Amino acid sequence: MRHEPTARVVAPGAAEGGFGAAAAAGVAIRTALPAEYPAIDRLISEAYEADYGPQEEAEFDCDAAAAGKADRDPVHEASARAARFDLWVAVDPDGRVLGSVTTRRAGGPPLHEDVRDDELDVRLLGVSPAARRRGIAAALMQAVVDRARTAGFAAVVLKTAPNMVGAHRLYETLGFARDAPRDGLWIGGEKVLELRTYALPVGVASGAAAGPRLASPVGASG
């Protein structure tokens, strides 16, 4: 897997408020290293269990849930996702993985069936419960928006379960808006699961006042 340049997260001023106000200095966002895949798998499981309980695992592993195979979905494994999609991590200065998100790769397939060719879609955003309230999720999503813009995508699209209220607030704070006509998980042209769709045209500035700023690339990640 190729590795993108690292971007530093620069904490915004105290007056900016919102999700990015407490962004930790020194956090870096880059593509994941193979050695980090097991840590990413643990982090995603712990993050969703902390928020929604163990019975909700199928909510975020929605493709497999729709097929009744949530415990065998290969996309649930970081190593499988990294083979076809871009797997991003937020790491601290000691290299600990604090958060992760998966996105469509430029020129590659989408993560959702109803995503257009010029849209970058997102799946499996998660932050370690021990790293909450530091702006990590906002930093990851802002990095996704920046990546979509530089890669030539027209919009960022994501789907989220109706009960993920905290995630909805984050997306709305960053400038995402509901795209209700595209709600639901679609497989084979059939709507098989109720999910909410959010979209952000990347030609329109996101909620910059609420999110962290990403510095210019500072070097290769390895």
C-alpha atoms as a PDB file:
ATOM      1  CA  MET A   1       0.000   0.000   0.000  1.00  0.00           C
ATOM      2  CA  ARG A   2       1.296   3.461  -0.797  1.00  0.00           C
ATOM      3  CA  HIS A   3       1.700   5.964   2.016  1.00  0.00           C
ATOM      4  CA  GLU A   4       0.647   9.582   1.776  1.00  0.00           C
ATOM      5  CA  PRO A   5       2.540  12.514   3.302  1.00  0.00           C
ATOM      6  CA  THR A   6       1.821  13.199   6.926  1.00  0.00           C
ATOM      7  CA  ALA A   7      -0.279  16.227   7.849  1.00  0.00           C
ATOM      8  CA  ARG A   8       0.055  17.886  11.237  1.00  0.00           C
ATOM      9  CA  VAL A   9      -3.096  18.812  13.114  1.00  0.00           C
ATOM     10  CA  VAL A  10      -2.823  22.423  14.236  1.00  0.00           C
ATOM     11  CA  ALA A  11      -5.090  23.242  17.160  1.00  0.00           C
ATOM     12  CA  PRO A  12      -7.332  26.224  16.375  1.00  0.00           C
ATOM     13  CA  GLY A  13      -7.628  29.229  18.649  1.00  0.00           C
ATOM     14  CA  ALA A  14      -9.777  28.980  21.717  1.00  0.00           C
ATOM     15  CA  ALA A  15     -12.416  31.271  20.210  1.00  0.00           C
ATOM     16  CA  GLU A  16     -13.128  28.821  17.427  1.00  0.00           C
ATOM     17  CA  GLY A  17     -14.879  26.331  19.706  1.00  0.00           C
ATOM     18  CA  GLY A  18     -16.639  23.229  18.389  1.00  0.00           C
ATOM     19  CA  PHE A  19     -15.229  19.773  17.869  1.00  0.00           C
ATOM     20  CA  GLY A  20     -11.755  20.954  16.906  1.00  0.00           C
ATOM     21  CA  ALA A  21     -11.222  23.354  19.785  1.00  0.00           C
ATOM     22  CA  ALA A  22      -9.292  20.843  21.894  1.00  0.00           C
ATOM     23  CA  ALA A  23      -7.332  19.196  19.066  1.00  0.00           C
ATOM     24  CA  ALA A  24      -4.154  17.744  20.538  1.00  0.00           C
ATOM     25  CA  ALA A  25      -0.918  19.271  19.340  1.00  0.00           C
ATOM     26  CA  GLY A  26       1.349  16.853  17.521  1.00  0.00           C
ATOM     27  CA  VAL A  27      -1.344  14.511  16.224  1.00  0.00           C
ATOM     28  CA  ALA A  28      -0.548  13.374  12.678  1.00  0.00           C
ATOM     29  CA  ILE A  29      -2.905  11.995  10.035  1.00  0.00           C
ATOM     30  CA  ARG A  30      -1.551   9.642   7.380  1.00  0.00           C
ATOM     31  CA  THR A  31      -2.267   6.355   5.658  1.00  0.00           C
ATOM     32  CA  ALA A  32      -1.939   3.336   7.908  1.00  0.00           C
ATOM     33  CA  LEU A  33       1.082   1.061   8.068  1.00  0.00           C
ATOM     34  CA  PRO A  34       0.494  -2.703   7.844  1.00  0.00           C
ATOM     35  CA  ALA A  35       1.847  -3.140  11.370  1.00  0.00           C
ATOM     36  CA  GLU A  36      -0.979  -0.885  12.591  1.00  0.00           C
ATOM     37  CA  TYR A  37      -3.846  -2.948  11.143  1.00  0.00           C
ATOM     38  CA  PRO A  38      -4.467  -5.031  14.323  1.00  0.00           C
ATOM     39  CA  ALA A  39      -4.553  -1.851  16.431  1.00  0.00           C
ATOM     40  CA  ILE A  40      -7.044  -0.300  14.007  1.00  0.00           C
ATOM     41  CA  ASP A  41      -9.315  -3.353  14.246  1.00  0.00           C
ATOM     42  CA  ARG A  42      -9.269  -3.150  18.056  1.00  0.00           C
ATOM     43  CA  LEU A  43      -9.859   0.599  18.007  1.00  0.00           C
ATOM     44  CA  ILE A  44     -12.892   0.432  15.708  1.00  0.00           C
ATOM     45  CA  SER A  45     -14.493  -2.333  17.774  1.00  0.00           C
ATOM     46  CA  GLU A  46     -13.845  -0.503  21.052  1.00  0.00           C
ATOM     47  CA  ALA A  47     -15.058   2.844  19.688  1.00  0.00           C
ATOM     48  CA  TYR A  48     -18.405   1.546  18.464  1.00  0.00           C
ATOM     49  CA  GLU A  49     -18.927  -0.656  21.503  1.00  0.00           C
ATOM     50  CA  ALA A  50     -18.286   2.319  23.798  1.00  0.00           C
ATOM     51  CA  ASP A  51     -20.900   4.412  21.989  1.00  0.00           C
ATOM     52  CA  TYR A  52     -23.544   1.914  20.963  1.00  0.00           C
ATOM     53  CA  GLY A  53     -22.909  -1.318  22.846  1.00  0.00           C
ATOM     54  CA  PRO A  54     -21.717  -4.685  21.501  1.00  0.00           C
ATOM     55  CA  GLN A  55     -25.127  -5.466  20.010  1.00  0.00           C
ATOM     56  CA  GLU A  56     -24.726  -2.533  17.615  1.00  0.00           C
ATOM     57  CA  GLU A  57     -21.691  -3.909  15.756  1.00  0.00           C
ATOM     58  CA  ALA A  58     -23.846  -4.688  12.732  1.00  0.00           C
ATOM     59  CA  GLU A  59     -24.842  -1.031  12.486  1.00  0.00           C
ATOM     60  CA  PHE A  60     -21.441   0.050  11.262  1.00  0.00           C
ATOM     61  CA  ASP A  61     -20.617  -3.227   9.505  1.00  0.00           C
ATOM     62  CA  CYS A  62     -23.765  -2.631   7.491  1.00  0.00           C
ATOM     63  CA  ASP A  63     -23.002  -4.432   4.233  1.00  0.00           C
ATOM     64  CA  ALA A  64     -22.443  -7.682   6.086  1.00  0.00           C
ATOM     65  CA  ALA A  65     -25.400  -7.074   8.396  1.00  0.00           C
ATOM     66  CA  ALA A  66     -27.674  -6.793   5.394  1.00  0.00           C
ATOM     67  CA  ALA A  67     -26.393 -10.150   4.174  1.00  0.00           C
ATOM     68  CA  GLY A  68     -26.619 -11.730   7.616  1.00  0.00           C
ATOM     69  CA  LYS A  69     -22.854 -12.236   7.823  1.00  0.00           C
ATOM     70  CA  ALA A  70     -21.665  -9.407  10.060  1.00  0.00           C
ATOM     71  CA  ASP A  71     -19.121 -11.620  11.799  1.00  0.00           C
ATOM     72  CA  ARG A  72     -17.482 -12.702   8.517  1.00  0.00           C
ATOM     73  CA  ASP A  73     -17.415  -9.477   6.521  1.00  0.00           C
ATOM     74  CA  PRO A  74     -13.828  -9.014   5.248  1.00  0.00           C
ATOM     75  CA  VAL A  75     -14.337  -5.230   5.065  1.00  0.00           C
ATOM     76  CA  HIS A  76     -14.474  -5.302   8.859  1.00  0.00           C
ATOM     77  CA  GLU A  77     -10.739  -6.147   8.801  1.00  0.00           C
ATOM     78  CA  ALA A  78      -8.270  -3.315   8.276  1.00  0.00           C
ATOM     79  CA  SER A  79      -5.996  -5.458   6.135  1.00  0.00           C
ATOM     80  CA  ALA A  80      -8.842  -6.227   3.730  1.00  0.00           C
ATOM     81  CA  ARG A  81      -9.933  -2.588   3.520  1.00  0.00           C
ATOM     82  CA  ALA A  82      -6.392  -1.387   2.854  1.00  0.00           C
ATOM     83  CA  ALA A  83      -6.144  -3.622  -0.224  1.00  0.00           C
ATOM     84  CA  ARG A  84      -8.868  -1.664  -2.059  1.00  0.00           C
ATOM     85  CA  PHE A  85      -9.440   1.571  -0.166  1.00  0.00           C
ATOM     86  CA  ASP A  86      -7.444   4.284   1.618  1.00  0.00           C
ATOM     87  CA  LEU A  87      -7.113   3.537   5.325  1.00  0.00           C
ATOM     88  CA  TRP A  88      -6.225   6.619   7.384  1.00  0.00           C
ATOM     89  CA  VAL A  89      -5.011   6.890  10.959  1.00  0.00           C
ATOM     90  CA  ALA A  90      -4.509   9.666  13.494  1.00  0.00           C
ATOM     91  CA  VAL A  91      -1.407   8.964  15.572  1.00  0.00           C
ATOM     92  CA  ASP A  92       0.227  10.711  18.512  1.00  0.00           C
ATOM     93  CA  PRO A  93       3.945  11.614  18.678  1.00  0.00           C
ATOM     94  CA  ASP A  94       4.685   8.165  20.130  1.00  0.00           C
ATOM     95  CA  GLY A  95       3.003   6.422  17.202  1.00  0.00           C
ATOM     96  CA  ARG A  96      -0.111   5.300  19.082  1.00  0.00           C
ATOM     97  CA  VAL A  97      -3.182   5.002  16.873  1.00  0.00           C
ATOM     98  CA  LEU A  98      -5.885   7.327  18.220  1.00  0.00           C
ATOM     99  CA  GLY A  99      -8.432   7.159  15.400  1.00  0.00           C
ATOM    100  CA  SER A 100      -9.078   5.827  11.924  1.00  0.00           C
ATOM    101  CA  VAL A 101     -11.311   6.271   8.890  1.00  0.00           C
ATOM    102  CA  THR A 102     -11.580   4.510   5.534  1.00  0.00           C
ATOM    103  CA  THR A 103     -12.215   6.301   2.226  1.00  0.00           C
ATOM    104  CA  ARG A 104     -12.567   5.554  -1.425  1.00  0.00           C
ATOM    105  CA  ARG A 105      -9.273   5.518  -3.306  1.00  0.00           C
ATOM    106  CA  ALA A 106      -8.866   7.785  -6.338  1.00  0.00           C
ATOM    107  CA  GLY A 107      -9.605   5.641  -9.378  1.00  0.00           C
ATOM    108  CA  GLY A 108     -10.940   2.830  -7.196  1.00  0.00           C
ATOM    109  CA  PRO A 109     -14.370   1.434  -6.309  1.00  0.00           C
ATOM    110  CA  PRO A 110     -16.715   3.187  -3.866  1.00  0.00           C
ATOM    111  CA  LEU A 111     -17.529   1.853  -0.424  1.00  0.00           C
ATOM    112  CA  HIS A 112     -21.271   2.185  -1.118  1.00  0.00           C
ATOM    113  CA  GLU A 113     -23.210   1.095  -4.188  1.00  0.00           C
ATOM    114  CA  ASP A 114     -25.065   4.355  -4.845  1.00  0.00           C
ATOM    115  CA  VAL A 115     -22.023   6.654  -4.826  1.00  0.00           C
ATOM    116  CA  ARG A 116     -21.270   8.541  -8.023  1.00  0.00           C
ATOM    117  CA  ASP A 117     -18.003   8.340  -9.916  1.00  0.00           C
ATOM    118  CA  ASP A 118     -16.967  11.843  -8.810  1.00  0.00           C
ATOM    119  CA  GLU A 119     -17.723  11.328  -5.095  1.00  0.00           C
ATOM    120  CA  LEU A 120     -15.421  10.147  -2.332  1.00  0.00           C
ATOM    121  CA  ASP A 121     -17.279   8.100   0.263  1.00  0.00           C
ATOM    122  CA  VAL A 122     -16.392   7.336   3.858  1.00  0.00           C
ATOM    123  CA  ARG A 123     -16.824   4.397   6.191  1.00  0.00           C
ATOM    124  CA  LEU A 124     -15.756   3.231   9.638  1.00  0.00           C
ATOM    125  CA  LEU A 125     -14.787   6.484  11.352  1.00  0.00           C
ATOM    126  CA  GLY A 126     -13.733   5.697  14.905  1.00  0.00           C
ATOM    127  CA  VAL A 127     -11.733   7.255  17.753  1.00  0.00           C
ATOM    128  CA  SER A 128     -10.305   5.428  20.742  1.00  0.00           C
ATOM    129  CA  PRO A 129     -12.460   6.030  23.845  1.00  0.00           C
ATOM    130  CA  ALA A 130      -9.264   7.119  25.628  1.00  0.00           C
ATOM    131  CA  ALA A 131      -8.629   9.845  23.026  1.00  0.00           C
ATOM    132  CA  ARG A 132     -12.073  11.466  22.960  1.00  0.00           C
ATOM    133  CA  ARG A 133     -12.697  15.221  23.285  1.00  0.00           C
ATOM    134  CA  ARG A 134      -9.417  16.078  21.549  1.00  0.00           C
ATOM    135  CA  GLY A 135     -10.757  16.878  18.089  1.00  0.00           C
ATOM    136  CA  ILE A 136      -9.499  13.625  16.567  1.00  0.00           C
ATOM    137  CA  ALA A 137     -12.703  12.743  14.689  1.00  0.00           C
ATOM    138  CA  ALA A 138     -12.997  16.277  13.337  1.00  0.00           C
ATOM    139  CA  ALA A 139      -9.358  16.202  12.246  1.00  0.00           C
ATOM    140  CA  LEU A 140      -9.836  12.905  10.423  1.00  0.00           C
ATOM    141  CA  MET A 141     -12.937  14.165   8.629  1.00  0.00           C
ATOM    142  CA  GLN A 142     -11.277  17.449   7.699  1.00  0.00           C
ATOM    143  CA  ALA A 143      -8.368  15.447   6.273  1.00  0.00           C
ATOM    144  CA  VAL A 144     -10.890  13.447   4.227  1.00  0.00           C
ATOM    145  CA  VAL A 145     -12.374  16.662   2.842  1.00  0.00           C
ATOM    146  CA  ASP A 146      -8.914  18.012   2.003  1.00  0.00           C
ATOM    147  CA  ARG A 147      -7.993  14.736   0.317  1.00  0.00           C
ATOM    148  CA  ALA A 148     -11.181  14.716  -1.750  1.00  0.00           C
ATOM    149  CA  ARG A 149     -10.483  18.247  -2.910  1.00  0.00           C
ATOM    150  CA  THR A 150      -6.883  17.572  -3.949  1.00  0.00           C
ATOM    151  CA  ALA A 151      -7.808  14.272  -5.630  1.00  0.00           C
ATOM    152  CA  GLY A 152     -10.427  15.988  -7.797  1.00  0.00           C
ATOM    153  CA  PHE A 153     -13.612  14.591  -6.259  1.00  0.00           C
ATOM    154  CA  ALA A 154     -16.727  16.772  -6.375  1.00  0.00           C
ATOM    155  CA  ALA A 155     -18.149  15.789  -2.984  1.00  0.00           C
ATOM    156  CA  VAL A 156     -17.658  13.703   0.139  1.00  0.00           C
ATOM    157  CA  VAL A 157     -20.512  11.311   0.951  1.00  0.00           C
ATOM    158  CA  LEU A 158     -21.116   9.119   3.986  1.00  0.00           C
ATOM    159  CA  LYS A 159     -23.849   7.005   5.529  1.00  0.00           C
ATOM    160  CA  THR A 160     -24.610   6.658   9.213  1.00  0.00           C
ATOM    161  CA  ALA A 161     -27.140   4.831  11.346  1.00  0.00           C
ATOM    162  CA  PRO A 162     -30.099   6.894  12.637  1.00  0.00           C
ATOM    163  CA  ASN A 163     -29.074   6.348  16.274  1.00  0.00           C
ATOM    164  CA  MET A 164     -25.526   7.716  15.818  1.00  0.00           C
ATOM    165  CA  VAL A 165     -26.533  11.169  17.061  1.00  0.00           C
ATOM    166  CA  GLY A 166     -23.037  12.208  18.102  1.00  0.00           C
ATOM    167  CA  ALA A 167     -21.703  11.436  14.636  1.00  0.00           C
ATOM    168  CA  HIS A 168     -24.546  13.458  13.074  1.00  0.00           C
ATOM    169  CA  ARG A 169     -23.547  16.502  15.144  1.00  0.00           C
ATOM    170  CA  LEU A 170     -19.933  16.173  14.042  1.00  0.00           C
ATOM    171  CA  TYR A 171     -20.808  15.949  10.349  1.00  0.00           C
ATOM    172  CA  GLU A 172     -23.189  18.899  10.545  1.00  0.00           C
ATOM    173  CA  THR A 173     -20.606  20.974  12.395  1.00  0.00           C
ATOM    174  CA  LEU A 174     -18.127  20.311   9.581  1.00  0.00           C
ATOM    175  CA  GLY A 175     -20.651  21.501   6.988  1.00  0.00           C
ATOM    176  CA  PHE A 176     -22.188  18.217   5.828  1.00  0.00           C
ATOM    177  CA  ALA A 177     -25.912  18.261   5.030  1.00  0.00           C
ATOM    178  CA  ARG A 178     -28.510  15.526   4.874  1.00  0.00           C
ATOM    179  CA  ASP A 179     -29.111  14.046   1.426  1.00  0.00           C
ATOM    180  CA  ALA A 180     -32.369  12.310   2.335  1.00  0.00           C
ATOM    181  CA  PRO A 181     -33.269  11.075  -1.188  1.00  0.00           C
ATOM    182  CA  ARG A 182     -30.151   8.905  -1.007  1.00  0.00           C
ATOM    183  CA  ASP A 183     -30.843   7.473   2.445  1.00  0.00           C
ATOM    184  CA  GLY A 184     -30.408   3.754   2.961  1.00  0.00           C
ATOM    185  CA  LEU A 185     -27.941   1.011   2.188  1.00  0.00           C
ATOM    186  CA  TRP A 186     -28.420  -0.261  -1.349  1.00  0.00           C
ATOM    187  CA  ILE A 187     -27.293  -3.682  -2.541  1.00  0.00           C
ATOM    188  CA  GLY A 188     -28.158  -4.918  -6.014  1.00  0.00           C
ATOM    189  CA  GLY A 189     -30.377  -1.897  -6.515  1.00  0.00           C
ATOM    190  CA  GLU A 190     -32.466  -2.776  -3.456  1.00  0.00           C
ATOM    191  CA  LYS A 191     -32.635  -0.781  -0.229  1.00  0.00           C
ATOM    192  CA  VAL A 192     -31.760  -3.270   2.501  1.00  0.00           C
ATOM    193  CA  LEU A 193     -30.991  -1.096   5.537  1.00  0.00           C
ATOM    194  CA  GLU A 194     -32.097   2.284   6.871  1.00  0.00           C
ATOM    195  CA  LEU A 195     -29.120   4.642   6.968  1.00  0.00           C
ATOM    196  CA  ARG A 196     -28.868   8.424   6.770  1.00  0.00           C
ATOM    197  CA  THR A 197     -26.831   9.947   3.967  1.00  0.00           C
ATOM    198  CA  TYR A 198     -24.775  13.107   4.430  1.00  0.00           C
ATOM    199  CA  ALA A 199     -22.895  14.972   1.688  1.00  0.00           C
ATOM    200  CA  LEU A 200     -20.496  17.887   1.422  1.00  0.00           C
ATOM    201  CA  PRO A 201     -19.584  19.496  -1.939  1.00  0.00           C
ATOM    202  CA  VAL A 202     -15.844  20.028  -1.630  1.00  0.00           C
ATOM    203  CA  GLY A 203     -15.999  23.222  -3.654  1.00  0.00           C
ATOM    204  CA  VAL A 204     -17.863  24.738  -0.690  1.00  0.00           C
ATOM    205  CA  ALA A 205     -15.893  25.546   2.437  1.00  0.00           C
ATOM    206  CA  SER A 206     -16.696  23.182   5.269  1.00  0.00           C
ATOM    207  CA  GLY A 207     -17.279  24.364   8.839  1.00  0.00           C
ATOM    208  CA  ALA A 208     -13.716  25.637   9.111  1.00  0.00           C
ATOM    209  CA  ALA A 209     -14.506  27.617  12.219  1.00  0.00           C
ATOM    210  CA  ALA A 210     -15.392  24.408  14.017  1.00  0.00           C
ATOM    211  CA  GLY A 211     -12.801  22.002  12.685  1.00  0.00           C
ATOM    212  CA  PRO A 212      -9.034  21.787  13.043  1.00  0.00           C
ATOM    213  CA  ARG A 213      -6.735  23.148  10.387  1.00  0.00           C
ATOM    214  CA  LEU A 214      -4.345  20.799   8.637  1.00  0.00           C
ATOM    215  CA  ALA A 215      -0.853  22.076   8.026  1.00  0.00           C
ATOM    216  CA  SER A 216       0.932  21.530   4.744  1.00  0.00           C
ATOM    217  CA  PRO A 217       2.537  18.076   4.306  1.00  0.00           C
ATOM    218  CA  VAL A 218       5.662  17.745   6.416  1.00  0.00           C
ATOM    219  CA  GLY A 219       7.271  14.607   5.024  1.00  0.00           C
ATOM    220  CA  ALA A 220       6.677  11.006   4.031  1.00  0.00           C
ATOM    221  CA  SER A 221       5.152   8.648   6.552  1.00  0.00           C
ATOM    222  CA  GLY A 222       7.261   5.668   5.582  1.00  0.00           C
END
